[in-house]
């Protein structure tokens, strides 16, 4: 499952729209179910891979929000990241946040 996510992100970032390609810095929002050890380890690995795959084209910033397994907070975090004009892409990590 993790490999599928990385492949998807790679394709998405490499074939980003011309607007994204014209920018020198992009911001990726990461919304997580919680800040558990597992989520934090995967998040660290994911960010490292994104930076490695895009470093020749972009400088990548990340905005991360965790929700402590609370559905209302998850919705709020997703809406906040989607409304943020600086966020170019939203990545969701977790079972609840991905639905």
C-alpha atoms as a PDB file:
ATOM      1  CA  UNK A   1       0.000   0.000   0.000  1.00  0.00           C
ATOM      2  CA  UNK A   2       2.796   2.452   0.847  1.00  0.00           C
ATOM      3  CA  UNK A   3       4.466   1.839  -2.502  1.00  0.00           C
ATOM      4  CA  UNK A   4       1.239   2.632  -4.363  1.00  0.00           C
ATOM      5  CA  UNK A   5       1.008   5.960  -2.548  1.00  0.00           C
ATOM      6  CA  UNK A   6       4.599   6.831  -3.426  1.00  0.00           C
ATOM      7  CA  UNK A   7       4.070   5.903  -7.080  1.00  0.00           C
ATOM      8  CA  UNK A   8       0.931   8.035  -7.195  1.00  0.00           C
ATOM      9  CA  UNK A   9       2.694  11.013  -5.607  1.00  0.00           C
ATOM     10  CA  UNK A  10       5.656  10.636  -7.943  1.00  0.00           C
ATOM     11  CA  UNK A  11       3.450  10.668 -11.018  1.00  0.00           C
ATOM     12  CA  UNK A  12       1.394  13.553  -9.665  1.00  0.00           C
ATOM     13  CA  UNK A  13       4.378  15.710  -8.788  1.00  0.00           C
ATOM     14  CA  UNK A  14       6.352  14.972 -11.962  1.00  0.00           C
ATOM     15  CA  UNK A  15       3.384  15.680 -14.216  1.00  0.00           C
ATOM     16  CA  UNK A  16       2.149  18.676 -12.217  1.00  0.00           C
ATOM     17  CA  UNK A  17       0.327  21.441 -14.026  1.00  0.00           C
ATOM     18  CA  UNK A  18       2.325  24.203 -15.757  1.00  0.00           C
ATOM     19  CA  UNK A  19       1.353  26.545 -12.930  1.00  0.00           C
ATOM     20  CA  UNK A  20       3.104  24.307 -10.410  1.00  0.00           C
ATOM     21  CA  UNK A  21       6.091  23.820 -12.691  1.00  0.00           C
ATOM     22  CA  UNK A  22       6.539  27.584 -13.008  1.00  0.00           C
ATOM     23  CA  UNK A  23       6.857  27.936  -9.244  1.00  0.00           C
ATOM     24  CA  UNK A  24      10.171  27.483  -7.533  1.00  0.00           C
ATOM     25  CA  UNK A  25       8.568  26.569  -4.188  1.00  0.00           C
ATOM     26  CA  UNK A  26       5.516  24.420  -3.562  1.00  0.00           C
ATOM     27  CA  UNK A  27       3.734  23.621  -0.321  1.00  0.00           C
ATOM     28  CA  UNK A  28       2.251  20.218   0.365  1.00  0.00           C
ATOM     29  CA  UNK A  29      -0.363  19.869   3.085  1.00  0.00           C
ATOM     30  CA  UNK A  30      -0.325  16.647   5.080  1.00  0.00           C
ATOM     31  CA  UNK A  31      -3.417  15.725   7.079  1.00  0.00           C
ATOM     32  CA  UNK A  32      -3.021  12.784   9.491  1.00  0.00           C
ATOM     33  CA  UNK A  33      -5.413  10.805  11.655  1.00  0.00           C
ATOM     34  CA  UNK A  34      -3.048  11.175  14.602  1.00  0.00           C
ATOM     35  CA  UNK A  35       0.546  11.802  15.612  1.00  0.00           C
ATOM     36  CA  UNK A  36       1.404   8.209  16.494  1.00  0.00           C
ATOM     37  CA  UNK A  37       4.833   6.659  16.086  1.00  0.00           C
ATOM     38  CA  UNK A  38       3.724   4.802  12.936  1.00  0.00           C
ATOM     39  CA  UNK A  39       2.236   7.866  11.264  1.00  0.00           C
ATOM     40  CA  UNK A  40       5.268   9.970  12.137  1.00  0.00           C
ATOM     41  CA  UNK A  41       7.709   7.367  10.760  1.00  0.00           C
ATOM     42  CA  UNK A  42       5.772   6.997   7.512  1.00  0.00           C
ATOM     43  CA  UNK A  43       5.363  10.771   7.285  1.00  0.00           C
ATOM     44  CA  UNK A  44       9.120  11.238   7.662  1.00  0.00           C
ATOM     45  CA  UNK A  45       9.797   8.666   4.929  1.00  0.00           C
ATOM     46  CA  UNK A  46       7.158  10.180   2.625  1.00  0.00           C
ATOM     47  CA  UNK A  47       8.548  13.706   2.963  1.00  0.00           C
ATOM     48  CA  UNK A  48      12.088  12.459   2.342  1.00  0.00           C
ATOM     49  CA  UNK A  49      10.969  10.724  -0.859  1.00  0.00           C
ATOM     50  CA  UNK A  50       8.989  13.730  -2.099  1.00  0.00           C
ATOM     51  CA  UNK A  51      11.976  16.021  -1.554  1.00  0.00           C
ATOM     52  CA  UNK A  52      14.315  13.552  -3.283  1.00  0.00           C
ATOM     53  CA  UNK A  53      12.005  13.215  -6.294  1.00  0.00           C
ATOM     54  CA  UNK A  54      11.339  16.927  -6.730  1.00  0.00           C
ATOM     55  CA  UNK A  55      14.549  18.640  -5.630  1.00  0.00           C
ATOM     56  CA  UNK A  56      15.657  19.334  -9.203  1.00  0.00           C
ATOM     57  CA  UNK A  57      12.445  21.279  -9.923  1.00  0.00           C
ATOM     58  CA  UNK A  58      11.030  22.588  -6.657  1.00  0.00           C
ATOM     59  CA  UNK A  59      11.783  23.529  -3.119  1.00  0.00           C
ATOM     60  CA  UNK A  60       9.094  21.770  -1.099  1.00  0.00           C
ATOM     61  CA  UNK A  61       7.553  23.053   2.123  1.00  0.00           C
ATOM     62  CA  UNK A  62       5.177  20.995   4.222  1.00  0.00           C
ATOM     63  CA  UNK A  63       2.212  21.998   6.388  1.00  0.00           C
ATOM     64  CA  UNK A  64       1.200  19.149   8.674  1.00  0.00           C
ATOM     65  CA  UNK A  65      -1.919  18.764  10.779  1.00  0.00           C
ATOM     66  CA  UNK A  66      -2.884  15.874  13.058  1.00  0.00           C
ATOM     67  CA  UNK A  67      -6.365  15.210  14.425  1.00  0.00           C
ATOM     68  CA  UNK A  68      -5.899  12.838  17.368  1.00  0.00           C
ATOM     69  CA  UNK A  69      -8.448  10.412  15.824  1.00  0.00           C
ATOM     70  CA  UNK A  70     -11.274  13.003  15.974  1.00  0.00           C
ATOM     71  CA  UNK A  71     -13.468  13.075  12.864  1.00  0.00           C
ATOM     72  CA  UNK A  72     -14.564  16.686  13.349  1.00  0.00           C
ATOM     73  CA  UNK A  73     -10.934  17.790  13.654  1.00  0.00           C
ATOM     74  CA  UNK A  74     -10.018  15.772  10.544  1.00  0.00           C
ATOM     75  CA  UNK A  75     -12.688  17.568   8.498  1.00  0.00           C
ATOM     76  CA  UNK A  76     -11.556  20.909   9.902  1.00  0.00           C
ATOM     77  CA  UNK A  77      -7.903  20.173   9.068  1.00  0.00           C
ATOM     78  CA  UNK A  78      -8.724  19.064   5.515  1.00  0.00           C
ATOM     79  CA  UNK A  79     -10.836  22.156   4.893  1.00  0.00           C
ATOM     80  CA  UNK A  80      -8.134  24.396   6.339  1.00  0.00           C
ATOM     81  CA  UNK A  81      -5.439  22.901   4.109  1.00  0.00           C
ATOM     82  CA  UNK A  82      -7.644  22.938   0.992  1.00  0.00           C
ATOM     83  CA  UNK A  83      -8.561  26.598   1.600  1.00  0.00           C
ATOM     84  CA  UNK A  84      -4.931  27.623   2.091  1.00  0.00           C
ATOM     85  CA  UNK A  85      -3.765  29.371  -1.105  1.00  0.00           C
ATOM     86  CA  UNK A  86      -0.173  28.318  -0.406  1.00  0.00           C
ATOM     87  CA  UNK A  87      -0.992  24.592  -0.402  1.00  0.00           C
ATOM     88  CA  UNK A  88      -0.598  23.051  -3.865  1.00  0.00           C
ATOM     89  CA  UNK A  89      -1.339  19.445  -2.937  1.00  0.00           C
ATOM     90  CA  UNK A  90      -3.070  17.709  -0.024  1.00  0.00           C
ATOM     91  CA  UNK A  91      -1.830  14.302   1.136  1.00  0.00           C
ATOM     92  CA  UNK A  92      -3.941  12.361   3.620  1.00  0.00           C
ATOM     93  CA  UNK A  93      -2.364   9.763   5.901  1.00  0.00           C
ATOM     94  CA  UNK A  94      -4.661   7.409   7.755  1.00  0.00           C
ATOM     95  CA  UNK A  95      -7.840   5.396   7.521  1.00  0.00           C
ATOM     96  CA  UNK A  96     -10.260   8.060   8.708  1.00  0.00           C
ATOM     97  CA  UNK A  97      -8.744  11.086   6.989  1.00  0.00           C
ATOM     98  CA  UNK A  98      -8.634   9.301   3.610  1.00  0.00           C
ATOM     99  CA  UNK A  99     -12.392   8.711   3.512  1.00  0.00           C
END
